């Protein structure tokens, strides 16, 4: 009898850095961030190659002592970004804080400071459903194995739960 399969959530092998500049945030220029990402959807090969490989980096706030979730402009931008490009659920990796930061900004009801967030359950439900629907769309479109869809989706839910966003 062979040992049970253990998914150790594979790490990033071909990283894609989604660099969001302070300028884009201050101008609410979501389109300039989303437009180049469409290349990841161009072919089956690209879509498969970059699954779970993207890290989001918000640039230009290194000297700001506040956590990203405490900066209103960052929250507003990331909320708009998540709505404009729900494919984050497919492409963001599950090993860094990209999903947690995006979810915290997109789903918060209150931001008392110090990086703490009170999550709005309805916003979180919508955020996850939009993301998981896009995951399903890409798996269906390209005929990727259902078992991989289940692993990716379960991993996403685990990241959200471990971050304390699910209550």
C-alpha atoms as a PDB file:
ATOM      1  CA  UNK A   1       0.000   0.000   0.000  1.00  0.00           C
ATOM      2  CA  UNK A   2       1.442   3.359  -1.031  1.00  0.00           C
ATOM      3  CA  UNK A   3       1.475   6.351   1.316  1.00  0.00           C
ATOM      4  CA  UNK A   4      -1.319   8.911   0.867  1.00  0.00           C
ATOM      5  CA  UNK A   5      -0.744  11.788  -1.524  1.00  0.00           C
ATOM      6  CA  UNK A   6       0.111  14.963   0.339  1.00  0.00           C
ATOM      7  CA  UNK A   7      -0.250  18.284  -1.436  1.00  0.00           C
ATOM      8  CA  UNK A   8       2.451  20.568  -0.121  1.00  0.00           C
ATOM      9  CA  UNK A   9       1.191  23.422  -2.292  1.00  0.00           C
ATOM     10  CA  UNK A  10       3.887  23.792  -4.917  1.00  0.00           C
ATOM     11  CA  UNK A  11       5.980  26.927  -4.765  1.00  0.00           C
ATOM     12  CA  UNK A  12       6.497  29.454  -7.468  1.00  0.00           C
ATOM     13  CA  UNK A  13       8.608  28.125 -10.341  1.00  0.00           C
ATOM     14  CA  UNK A  14       8.119  30.761 -13.062  1.00  0.00           C
ATOM     15  CA  UNK A  15       7.357  33.897 -11.084  1.00  0.00           C
ATOM     16  CA  UNK A  16       5.344  36.707 -12.533  1.00  0.00           C
ATOM     17  CA  UNK A  17       5.514  39.931 -10.563  1.00  0.00           C
ATOM     18  CA  UNK A  18       2.462  42.124 -10.826  1.00  0.00           C
ATOM     19  CA  UNK A  19       3.962  45.487  -9.926  1.00  0.00           C
ATOM     20  CA  UNK A  20       1.321  48.047  -9.041  1.00  0.00           C
ATOM     21  CA  UNK A  21       2.813  51.523  -8.842  1.00  0.00           C
ATOM     22  CA  UNK A  22       1.840  54.282  -6.478  1.00  0.00           C
ATOM     23  CA  UNK A  23       1.152  56.416  -9.553  1.00  0.00           C
ATOM     24  CA  UNK A  24      -1.410  53.900 -10.860  1.00  0.00           C
ATOM     25  CA  UNK A  25      -3.019  53.808  -7.416  1.00  0.00           C
ATOM     26  CA  UNK A  26      -3.148  57.582  -7.007  1.00  0.00           C
ATOM     27  CA  UNK A  27      -4.695  57.952 -10.485  1.00  0.00           C
ATOM     28  CA  UNK A  28      -6.988  54.919 -10.020  1.00  0.00           C
ATOM     29  CA  UNK A  29      -5.580  53.644 -13.301  1.00  0.00           C
ATOM     30  CA  UNK A  30      -6.757  50.061 -12.967  1.00  0.00           C
ATOM     31  CA  UNK A  31      -6.869  49.644 -16.751  1.00  0.00           C
ATOM     32  CA  UNK A  32      -3.088  50.117 -17.075  1.00  0.00           C
ATOM     33  CA  UNK A  33      -2.563  47.256 -14.630  1.00  0.00           C
ATOM     34  CA  UNK A  34      -5.212  44.915 -16.053  1.00  0.00           C
ATOM     35  CA  UNK A  35      -4.511  45.393 -19.764  1.00  0.00           C
ATOM     36  CA  UNK A  36      -1.073  43.681 -19.834  1.00  0.00           C
ATOM     37  CA  UNK A  37      -2.470  40.731 -17.846  1.00  0.00           C
ATOM     38  CA  UNK A  38      -4.699  39.724 -20.749  1.00  0.00           C
ATOM     39  CA  UNK A  39      -1.660  38.101 -22.390  1.00  0.00           C
ATOM     40  CA  UNK A  40      -1.871  35.410 -19.704  1.00  0.00           C
ATOM     41  CA  UNK A  41      -5.255  34.429 -21.127  1.00  0.00           C
ATOM     42  CA  UNK A  42      -4.117  34.398 -24.765  1.00  0.00           C
ATOM     43  CA  UNK A  43      -3.252  30.723 -25.151  1.00  0.00           C
ATOM     44  CA  UNK A  44      -3.837  27.473 -23.353  1.00  0.00           C
ATOM     45  CA  UNK A  45      -0.093  27.114 -22.838  1.00  0.00           C
ATOM     46  CA  UNK A  46       0.312  30.553 -21.238  1.00  0.00           C
ATOM     47  CA  UNK A  47      -2.726  30.052 -19.059  1.00  0.00           C
ATOM     48  CA  UNK A  48      -1.378  26.721 -17.833  1.00  0.00           C
ATOM     49  CA  UNK A  49       2.243  27.864 -17.455  1.00  0.00           C
ATOM     50  CA  UNK A  50       1.417  30.828 -15.234  1.00  0.00           C
ATOM     51  CA  UNK A  51      -1.229  29.210 -13.033  1.00  0.00           C
ATOM     52  CA  UNK A  52      -0.394  30.039  -9.441  1.00  0.00           C
ATOM     53  CA  UNK A  53       2.797  31.886 -10.369  1.00  0.00           C
ATOM     54  CA  UNK A  54       1.898  35.559  -9.826  1.00  0.00           C
ATOM     55  CA  UNK A  55       2.932  37.698  -6.883  1.00  0.00           C
ATOM     56  CA  UNK A  56       1.408  41.115  -6.381  1.00  0.00           C
ATOM     57  CA  UNK A  57       3.755  43.905  -5.296  1.00  0.00           C
ATOM     58  CA  UNK A  58       2.469  47.361  -4.411  1.00  0.00           C
ATOM     59  CA  UNK A  59       5.319  49.790  -5.018  1.00  0.00           C
ATOM     60  CA  UNK A  60       5.931  53.286  -3.713  1.00  0.00           C
ATOM     61  CA  UNK A  61       4.773  52.930  -0.122  1.00  0.00           C
ATOM     62  CA  UNK A  62       7.991  51.644   1.450  1.00  0.00           C
ATOM     63  CA  UNK A  63       8.455  54.863   3.438  1.00  0.00           C
ATOM     64  CA  UNK A  64       4.859  54.867   4.641  1.00  0.00           C
ATOM     65  CA  UNK A  65       4.680  53.336   8.140  1.00  0.00           C
ATOM     66  CA  UNK A  66       1.082  52.180   7.599  1.00  0.00           C
ATOM     67  CA  UNK A  67       0.151  48.695   6.461  1.00  0.00           C
ATOM     68  CA  UNK A  68      -1.169  48.613   2.885  1.00  0.00           C
ATOM     69  CA  UNK A  69      -4.690  47.840   4.121  1.00  0.00           C
ATOM     70  CA  UNK A  70      -4.616  51.038   6.185  1.00  0.00           C
ATOM     71  CA  UNK A  71      -4.065  53.224   3.105  1.00  0.00           C
ATOM     72  CA  UNK A  72      -7.458  54.226   1.666  1.00  0.00           C
ATOM     73  CA  UNK A  73      -6.132  54.722  -1.881  1.00  0.00           C
ATOM     74  CA  UNK A  74      -4.561  51.244  -1.905  1.00  0.00           C
ATOM     75  CA  UNK A  75      -7.765  49.657  -0.626  1.00  0.00           C
ATOM     76  CA  UNK A  76      -9.891  51.444  -3.226  1.00  0.00           C
ATOM     77  CA  UNK A  77      -7.522  50.512  -6.029  1.00  0.00           C
ATOM     78  CA  UNK A  78      -7.269  46.852  -5.052  1.00  0.00           C
ATOM     79  CA  UNK A  79     -11.036  46.616  -4.638  1.00  0.00           C
ATOM     80  CA  UNK A  80     -11.448  47.904  -8.215  1.00  0.00           C
ATOM     81  CA  UNK A  81      -8.633  45.677  -9.457  1.00  0.00           C
ATOM     82  CA  UNK A  82     -10.207  42.524  -7.993  1.00  0.00           C
ATOM     83  CA  UNK A  83     -13.506  43.366  -9.679  1.00  0.00           C
ATOM     84  CA  UNK A  84     -11.852  44.187 -13.013  1.00  0.00           C
ATOM     85  CA  UNK A  85      -9.605  41.106 -13.041  1.00  0.00           C
ATOM     86  CA  UNK A  86     -11.100  38.225 -11.018  1.00  0.00           C
ATOM     87  CA  UNK A  87      -8.591  35.876 -12.652  1.00  0.00           C
ATOM     88  CA  UNK A  88      -6.343  36.637  -9.661  1.00  0.00           C
ATOM     89  CA  UNK A  89      -7.771  33.470  -8.104  1.00  0.00           C
ATOM     90  CA  UNK A  90      -6.208  31.386 -10.861  1.00  0.00           C
ATOM     91  CA  UNK A  91      -2.922  33.232 -11.330  1.00  0.00           C
ATOM     92  CA  UNK A  92      -1.941  34.457  -7.839  1.00  0.00           C
ATOM     93  CA  UNK A  93       0.336  32.084  -5.979  1.00  0.00           C
ATOM     94  CA  UNK A  94      -0.767  30.638  -2.685  1.00  0.00           C
ATOM     95  CA  UNK A  95       2.549  30.988  -0.863  1.00  0.00           C
ATOM     96  CA  UNK A  96       2.935  34.737  -0.323  1.00  0.00           C
ATOM     97  CA  UNK A  97       0.551  37.414   0.958  1.00  0.00           C
ATOM     98  CA  UNK A  98      -0.846  38.529  -2.419  1.00  0.00           C
ATOM     99  CA  UNK A  99      -4.241  36.866  -1.946  1.00  0.00           C
ATOM    100  CA  UNK A 100      -4.473  37.979   1.681  1.00  0.00           C
ATOM    101  CA  UNK A 101      -3.701  41.618   0.879  1.00  0.00           C
ATOM    102  CA  UNK A 102      -6.110  41.659  -2.060  1.00  0.00           C
ATOM    103  CA  UNK A 103      -8.859  39.979  -0.052  1.00  0.00           C
ATOM    104  CA  UNK A 104      -8.348  42.214   2.961  1.00  0.00           C
ATOM    105  CA  UNK A 105      -8.601  45.339   0.821  1.00  0.00           C
ATOM    106  CA  UNK A 106     -11.519  44.112  -1.278  1.00  0.00           C
ATOM    107  CA  UNK A 107     -13.596  42.614   1.520  1.00  0.00           C
ATOM    108  CA  UNK A 108     -13.097  44.829   4.523  1.00  0.00           C
ATOM    109  CA  UNK A 109     -15.978  46.440   6.357  1.00  0.00           C
ATOM    110  CA  UNK A 110     -13.813  48.376   8.804  1.00  0.00           C
ATOM    111  CA  UNK A 111     -10.118  49.144   9.003  1.00  0.00           C
ATOM    112  CA  UNK A 112      -9.325  50.115  12.606  1.00  0.00           C
ATOM    113  CA  UNK A 113      -5.594  50.573  11.877  1.00  0.00           C
ATOM    114  CA  UNK A 114      -2.437  48.646  12.575  1.00  0.00           C
ATOM    115  CA  UNK A 115      -3.129  46.362   9.626  1.00  0.00           C
ATOM    116  CA  UNK A 116      -6.294  44.916  11.143  1.00  0.00           C
ATOM    117  CA  UNK A 117      -9.401  44.380   9.069  1.00  0.00           C
ATOM    118  CA  UNK A 118     -12.950  43.472   9.937  1.00  0.00           C
ATOM    119  CA  UNK A 119     -14.171  41.409   6.993  1.00  0.00           C
ATOM    120  CA  UNK A 120     -17.621  41.845   5.486  1.00  0.00           C
ATOM    121  CA  UNK A 121     -18.926  38.289   4.984  1.00  0.00           C
ATOM    122  CA  UNK A 122     -21.031  39.238   1.948  1.00  0.00           C
ATOM    123  CA  UNK A 123     -18.101  40.971   0.236  1.00  0.00           C
ATOM    124  CA  UNK A 124     -15.869  37.976   0.957  1.00  0.00           C
ATOM    125  CA  UNK A 125     -18.464  35.588  -0.469  1.00  0.00           C
ATOM    126  CA  UNK A 126     -18.749  37.663  -3.650  1.00  0.00           C
ATOM    127  CA  UNK A 127     -14.943  38.010  -3.909  1.00  0.00           C
ATOM    128  CA  UNK A 128     -14.452  34.246  -3.631  1.00  0.00           C
ATOM    129  CA  UNK A 129     -17.335  33.353  -5.950  1.00  0.00           C
ATOM    130  CA  UNK A 130     -16.050  35.717  -8.629  1.00  0.00           C
ATOM    131  CA  UNK A 131     -12.552  34.289  -8.311  1.00  0.00           C
ATOM    132  CA  UNK A 132     -13.652  30.650  -8.260  1.00  0.00           C
ATOM    133  CA  UNK A 133     -15.986  31.221 -11.226  1.00  0.00           C
ATOM    134  CA  UNK A 134     -12.981  32.466 -13.206  1.00  0.00           C
ATOM    135  CA  UNK A 135     -10.963  29.437 -12.115  1.00  0.00           C
ATOM    136  CA  UNK A 136     -13.777  27.190 -13.359  1.00  0.00           C
ATOM    137  CA  UNK A 137     -14.056  29.187 -16.588  1.00  0.00           C
ATOM    138  CA  UNK A 138     -10.364  28.691 -17.399  1.00  0.00           C
ATOM    139  CA  UNK A 139     -10.406  24.999 -16.499  1.00  0.00           C
ATOM    140  CA  UNK A 140     -13.484  24.439 -18.654  1.00  0.00           C
ATOM    141  CA  UNK A 141     -12.190  26.516 -21.568  1.00  0.00           C
ATOM    142  CA  UNK A 142      -8.863  24.700 -21.707  1.00  0.00           C
ATOM    143  CA  UNK A 143      -9.905  21.248 -20.555  1.00  0.00           C
ATOM    144  CA  UNK A 144      -7.512  21.188 -17.605  1.00  0.00           C
ATOM    145  CA  UNK A 145      -8.011  18.230 -15.239  1.00  0.00           C
ATOM    146  CA  UNK A 146     -10.788  18.624 -12.687  1.00  0.00           C
ATOM    147  CA  UNK A 147      -8.516  17.234  -9.973  1.00  0.00           C
ATOM    148  CA  UNK A 148      -6.179  20.214 -10.467  1.00  0.00           C
ATOM    149  CA  UNK A 149      -9.133  22.583 -10.275  1.00  0.00           C
ATOM    150  CA  UNK A 150     -10.161  21.014  -6.966  1.00  0.00           C
ATOM    151  CA  UNK A 151      -6.616  21.362  -5.563  1.00  0.00           C
ATOM    152  CA  UNK A 152      -6.292  24.990  -6.666  1.00  0.00           C
ATOM    153  CA  UNK A 153      -9.728  25.903  -5.315  1.00  0.00           C
ATOM    154  CA  UNK A 154      -9.164  24.111  -2.020  1.00  0.00           C
ATOM    155  CA  UNK A 155      -5.779  25.801  -1.668  1.00  0.00           C
ATOM    156  CA  UNK A 156      -7.381  29.211  -2.197  1.00  0.00           C
ATOM    157  CA  UNK A 157      -9.962  28.522   0.492  1.00  0.00           C
ATOM    158  CA  UNK A 158      -7.237  27.316   2.866  1.00  0.00           C
ATOM    159  CA  UNK A 159      -5.194  30.489   2.325  1.00  0.00           C
ATOM    160  CA  UNK A 160      -8.271  32.605   3.108  1.00  0.00           C
ATOM    161  CA  UNK A 161      -9.129  30.500   6.174  1.00  0.00           C
ATOM    162  CA  UNK A 162      -5.553  30.452   7.531  1.00  0.00           C
ATOM    163  CA  UNK A 163      -5.382  34.234   7.207  1.00  0.00           C
ATOM    164  CA  UNK A 164      -8.450  34.478   9.429  1.00  0.00           C
ATOM    165  CA  UNK A 165     -10.589  36.059   6.721  1.00  0.00           C
ATOM    166  CA  UNK A 166     -13.206  33.298   7.030  1.00  0.00           C
ATOM    167  CA  UNK A 167     -15.055  33.243  10.307  1.00  0.00           C
END
